[in-house]
Amino acid sequence: MELIKINRQFGENTKHYIYRVLKMNIMTLNIKPGTGISEADIREFLKVSRTPIRESIVRLSEERLMDVYPQKGSFVSLIDLKIVEEAYFMRKILEKEVLKLATKNFSEAAIKELEKNLKFQNIISQIEEDHSELFFLDNEFHKIIYKEVQKEKVWESIQSLSTHYDRVRFLDAIEKTNLIPTLEQHKTIIDIIKNKEIDKVDEMIDLHLSNFKNKIDYLIEKHPDYFKI
């Protein structure tokens, strides 16, 4: 198990830092689903004590990103398709309502933010190995919309409930199975906001999310060991 280290935030305590490092490695699939977690390796890599490691693992297990078995050890949870389906259901409903709000009131500055973000997505999409940056740009694109319509807390709630869903999205980004349609649909979303085309929202979100859902079978077939069916 080789962890990717991230910078420690100013004033951040050890437990929260360990939690962020582990969660980032899990969410970006650097630590694969089903992988055993070695406390000794984490201690050696991050130069930390055992207690905050265990506390971080407990927190991640509460978020259903890790499974802890007495006498056996701690393992990164498999991607649970039931949890993925619940997140998909939630996003399908909320993203329609948020985009409808955006068609009614959205600043020119925020539109420029979306266009700048999409420009970077197109650039990064040409870089074969930069999966994480493309994933984070995609997230930021949607976050800009939620923020502009004053629904940031809704976005935060979605993020907290989308950990399994987002691991599928990251896997999809690695495989680039849905890249071109996603970029094209982001452009259409910007146009819908600019032109205040509220009547096109439902169809667009259905298409945008269904493209992702249609790729799940392919991802399961290619990476069966990652999923809890």
Protein backbone atom coordinates (compact mmCIF):
# COMPACT_ATOMS: atom_id res chain seq x y z
CA MET A 1 0.00 0.00 0.00
CA GLU A 2 1.59 3.24 -1.17
CA LEU A 3 -0.16 6.36 0.05
CA ILE A 4 -0.17 9.71 -1.70
CA LYS A 5 0.73 12.38 0.82
CA ILE A 6 -1.04 15.76 0.84
CA ASN A 7 -0.02 19.00 2.49
CA ARG A 8 -1.06 19.52 6.07
CA GLN A 9 -3.35 22.51 6.58
CA PHE A 10 -2.33 25.30 8.96
CA GLY A 11 -3.39 24.41 12.50
CA GLU A 12 -4.73 21.00 11.45
CA ASN A 13 -4.58 18.35 14.17
CA THR A 14 -3.03 14.96 13.51
CA LYS A 15 -6.28 12.99 13.56
CA HIS A 16 -7.93 15.18 10.93
CA TYR A 17 -4.81 15.14 8.76
CA ILE A 18 -4.64 11.34 8.79
CA TYR A 19 -8.36 11.22 8.00
CA ARG A 20 -7.90 13.53 4.98
CA VAL A 21 -4.92 11.58 3.66
CA LEU A 22 -6.74 8.25 3.91
CA LYS A 23 -10.00 9.58 2.50
CA MET A 24 -8.27 11.21 -0.46
CA ASN A 25 -6.43 7.98 -1.24
CA ILE A 26 -9.67 6.00 -0.99
CA MET A 27 -11.79 8.42 -3.03
CA THR A 28 -9.22 8.62 -5.84
CA LEU A 29 -8.86 4.81 -5.85
CA ASN A 30 -5.17 5.05 -5.05
CA ILE A 31 -6.16 2.57 -2.35
CA LYS A 32 -8.36 0.10 -4.19
CA PRO A 33 -11.70 -1.15 -2.81
CA GLY A 34 -11.18 -4.23 -0.66
CA THR A 35 -7.56 -3.38 0.19
CA GLY A 36 -6.38 -4.05 3.73
CA ILE A 37 -5.11 -1.04 5.67
CA SER A 38 -1.88 -1.43 7.61
CA GLU A 39 -1.68 0.82 10.67
CA ALA A 40 2.05 0.14 10.82
CA ASP A 41 2.54 1.39 7.25
CA ILE A 42 0.54 4.55 8.01
CA ARG A 43 2.57 5.19 11.17
CA GLU A 44 5.81 4.81 9.25
CA PHE A 45 4.68 6.88 6.24
CA LEU A 46 3.12 9.80 8.13
CA LYS A 47 5.29 9.60 11.27
CA VAL A 48 2.28 9.58 13.58
CA SER A 49 1.15 7.57 16.60
CA ARG A 50 -1.34 4.69 16.64
CA THR A 51 -4.27 6.41 18.40
CA PRO A 52 -5.12 9.10 15.79
CA ILE A 53 -4.82 6.45 13.06
CA ARG A 54 -7.43 4.29 14.77
CA GLU A 55 -9.67 7.29 15.37
CA SER A 56 -9.44 8.19 11.67
CA ILE A 57 -10.30 4.63 10.65
CA VAL A 58 -13.35 4.70 12.93
CA ARG A 59 -14.52 7.93 11.29
CA LEU A 60 -14.06 6.47 7.81
CA SER A 61 -15.96 3.35 8.83
CA GLU A 62 -18.82 5.58 10.03
CA GLU A 63 -18.82 7.12 6.55
CA ARG A 64 -18.94 3.56 5.13
CA LEU A 65 -15.62 3.96 3.37
CA MET A 66 -13.92 1.33 5.53
CA ASP A 67 -14.96 -1.98 7.04
CA VAL A 68 -13.45 -2.95 10.39
CA TYR A 69 -13.43 -6.59 11.44
CA PRO A 70 -12.23 -7.59 14.94
CA GLN A 71 -9.26 -9.97 14.84
CA LYS A 72 -9.09 -9.57 11.07
CA GLY A 73 -8.29 -5.94 10.33
CA SER A 74 -9.51 -2.87 8.47
CA PHE A 75 -10.32 -2.82 4.77
CA VAL A 76 -11.40 -0.19 2.26
CA SER A 77 -15.08 -0.85 1.62
CA LEU A 78 -16.18 -2.23 -1.70
CA ILE A 79 -18.29 0.14 -3.80
CA ASP A 80 -21.85 -0.60 -2.70
CA LEU A 81 -24.27 -0.33 -5.62
CA LYS A 82 -27.22 0.26 -3.30
CA ILE A 83 -25.50 3.34 -1.88
CA VAL A 84 -24.57 4.45 -5.41
CA GLU A 85 -28.22 4.13 -6.46
CA GLU A 86 -29.42 6.25 -3.51
CA ALA A 87 -26.92 9.00 -4.35
CA TYR A 88 -27.98 8.87 -7.99
CA PHE A 89 -31.64 9.22 -6.98
CA MET A 90 -30.87 12.20 -4.74
CA ARG A 91 -28.74 13.99 -7.32
CA LYS A 92 -31.29 13.48 -10.08
CA ILE A 93 -33.94 15.28 -8.06
CA LEU A 94 -31.80 18.05 -6.57
CA GLU A 95 -29.79 18.93 -9.66
CA LYS A 96 -32.96 19.54 -11.64
CA GLU A 97 -34.26 21.97 -9.04
CA VAL A 98 -30.92 23.75 -8.66
CA LEU A 99 -30.51 24.16 -12.42
CA LYS A 100 -34.06 25.53 -12.67
CA LEU A 101 -33.13 28.14 -10.06
CA ALA A 102 -30.01 28.95 -12.09
CA THR A 103 -32.11 29.69 -15.19
CA LYS A 104 -33.98 32.33 -13.21
CA ASN A 105 -31.09 34.19 -11.62
CA PHE A 106 -27.44 33.64 -12.47
CA SER A 107 -24.77 36.32 -12.63
CA GLU A 108 -22.55 36.96 -15.63
CA ALA A 109 -19.52 36.49 -13.37
CA ALA A 110 -20.67 33.00 -12.40
CA ILE A 111 -21.30 32.10 -16.05
CA LYS A 112 -17.72 33.13 -16.81
CA GLU A 113 -16.55 30.90 -13.96
CA LEU A 114 -18.39 27.96 -15.52
CA GLU A 115 -16.94 28.70 -18.95
CA LYS A 116 -13.42 28.96 -17.52
CA ASN A 117 -13.90 25.70 -15.66
CA LEU A 118 -15.12 23.95 -18.81
CA LYS A 119 -12.16 25.30 -20.76
CA PHE A 120 -9.82 23.68 -18.23
CA GLN A 121 -11.82 20.44 -18.39
CA ASN A 122 -11.26 20.32 -22.13
CA ILE A 123 -7.54 20.96 -21.71
CA ILE A 124 -7.10 18.39 -18.95
CA SER A 125 -9.10 15.80 -20.89
CA GLN A 126 -6.24 15.69 -23.38
CA ILE A 127 -3.76 14.71 -20.66
CA GLU A 128 -3.84 10.94 -20.41
CA GLU A 129 -2.86 10.54 -16.76
CA ASP A 130 -4.49 13.50 -15.06
CA HIS A 131 -7.65 11.76 -13.87
CA SER A 132 -7.88 13.46 -10.48
CA GLU A 133 -7.78 17.01 -11.84
CA LEU A 134 -10.58 16.28 -14.30
CA PHE A 135 -12.69 14.74 -11.54
CA PHE A 136 -12.18 17.75 -9.26
CA LEU A 137 -12.94 20.19 -12.08
CA ASP A 138 -16.19 18.33 -12.76
CA ASN A 139 -17.13 18.63 -9.09
CA GLU A 140 -16.19 22.31 -9.05
CA PHE A 141 -18.37 22.94 -12.13
CA HIS A 142 -21.47 21.76 -10.28
CA LYS A 143 -20.42 23.44 -7.04
CA ILE A 144 -20.30 26.82 -8.82
CA ILE A 145 -23.97 26.41 -9.77
CA TYR A 146 -25.07 25.42 -6.26
CA LYS A 147 -23.11 28.32 -4.76
CA GLU A 148 -24.56 30.88 -7.16
CA VAL A 149 -28.15 29.88 -6.32
CA GLN A 150 -27.28 29.93 -2.60
CA LYS A 151 -27.54 26.18 -2.04
CA GLU A 152 -24.01 25.51 -0.79
CA LYS A 153 -25.23 23.48 2.20
CA VAL A 154 -27.22 21.29 -0.17
CA TRP A 155 -24.03 20.69 -2.14
CA GLU A 156 -22.16 19.79 1.05
CA SER A 157 -24.91 17.32 1.96
CA ILE A 158 -24.72 15.75 -1.49
CA GLN A 159 -20.96 15.38 -1.16
CA SER A 160 -21.23 13.66 2.22
CA LEU A 161 -23.71 11.13 0.83
CA SER A 162 -21.95 10.52 -2.49
CA THR A 163 -18.74 8.78 -1.44
CA HIS A 164 -19.54 5.47 -3.17
CA TYR A 165 -21.13 7.28 -6.13
CA ASP A 166 -18.04 9.47 -6.49
CA ARG A 167 -15.70 6.49 -6.47
CA VAL A 168 -17.62 5.17 -9.47
CA ARG A 169 -17.30 8.61 -11.09
CA PHE A 170 -13.56 8.60 -10.45
CA LEU A 171 -13.25 5.13 -11.94
CA ASP A 172 -15.22 6.38 -14.93
CA ALA A 173 -12.77 9.29 -15.23
CA ILE A 174 -9.85 6.84 -15.22
CA GLU A 175 -11.45 4.75 -17.94
CA LYS A 176 -12.62 7.86 -19.83
CA THR A 177 -15.75 5.96 -20.82
CA ASN A 178 -18.03 8.98 -20.62
CA LEU A 179 -15.71 11.90 -21.28
CA ILE A 180 -16.90 13.48 -24.54
CA PRO A 181 -20.64 13.35 -23.70
CA THR A 182 -19.93 14.84 -20.27
CA LEU A 183 -18.00 17.79 -21.70
CA GLU A 184 -20.66 18.40 -24.34
CA GLN A 185 -23.41 18.29 -21.72
CA HIS A 186 -21.56 20.76 -19.49
CA LYS A 187 -21.53 23.14 -22.45
CA THR A 188 -25.28 22.59 -22.89
CA ILE A 189 -25.88 23.27 -19.19
CA ILE A 190 -24.11 26.62 -19.55
CA ASP A 191 -26.25 27.45 -22.59
CA ILE A 192 -29.45 26.52 -20.72
CA ILE A 193 -28.49 28.90 -17.90
CA LYS A 194 -27.48 31.71 -20.26
CA ASN A 195 -30.65 31.41 -22.33
CA LYS A 196 -32.92 30.82 -19.30
CA GLU A 197 -34.31 27.66 -20.91
CA ILE A 198 -36.03 26.18 -17.89
CA ASP A 199 -38.09 23.89 -20.12
CA LYS A 200 -34.91 22.00 -21.12
CA VAL A 201 -33.67 21.31 -17.59
CA ASP A 202 -35.38 17.99 -16.83
CA GLU A 203 -34.35 16.38 -20.10
CA MET A 204 -30.76 17.64 -19.76
CA ILE A 205 -30.24 16.33 -16.22
CA ASP A 206 -31.85 13.00 -17.11
CA LEU A 207 -29.39 12.68 -20.00
CA HIS A 208 -26.41 13.92 -18.01
CA LEU A 209 -26.88 11.44 -15.19
CA SER A 210 -28.11 8.52 -17.28
CA ASN A 211 -24.91 8.57 -19.35
CA PHE A 212 -23.03 7.87 -16.13
CA LYS A 213 -25.44 5.18 -15.00
CA ASN A 214 -25.25 3.39 -18.34
CA LYS A 215 -21.50 2.90 -17.87
CA ILE A 216 -21.77 1.11 -14.51
CA ASP A 217 -22.22 -2.35 -16.04
CA TYR A 218 -19.06 -1.85 -18.10
CA LEU A 219 -17.12 -0.75 -15.01
CA ILE A 220 -18.38 -3.72 -12.99
CA GLU A 221 -17.39 -6.10 -15.78
CA LYS A 222 -13.91 -4.61 -15.99
CA HIS A 223 -13.35 -4.26 -12.21
CA PRO A 224 -15.58 -6.89 -10.55
CA ASP A 225 -13.42 -7.00 -7.41
CA TYR A 226 -14.19 -3.34 -6.66
CA PHE A 227 -17.94 -3.76 -6.23
CA LYS A 228 -20.39 -5.10 -3.70
CA ILE A 229 -23.28 -6.27 -5.85
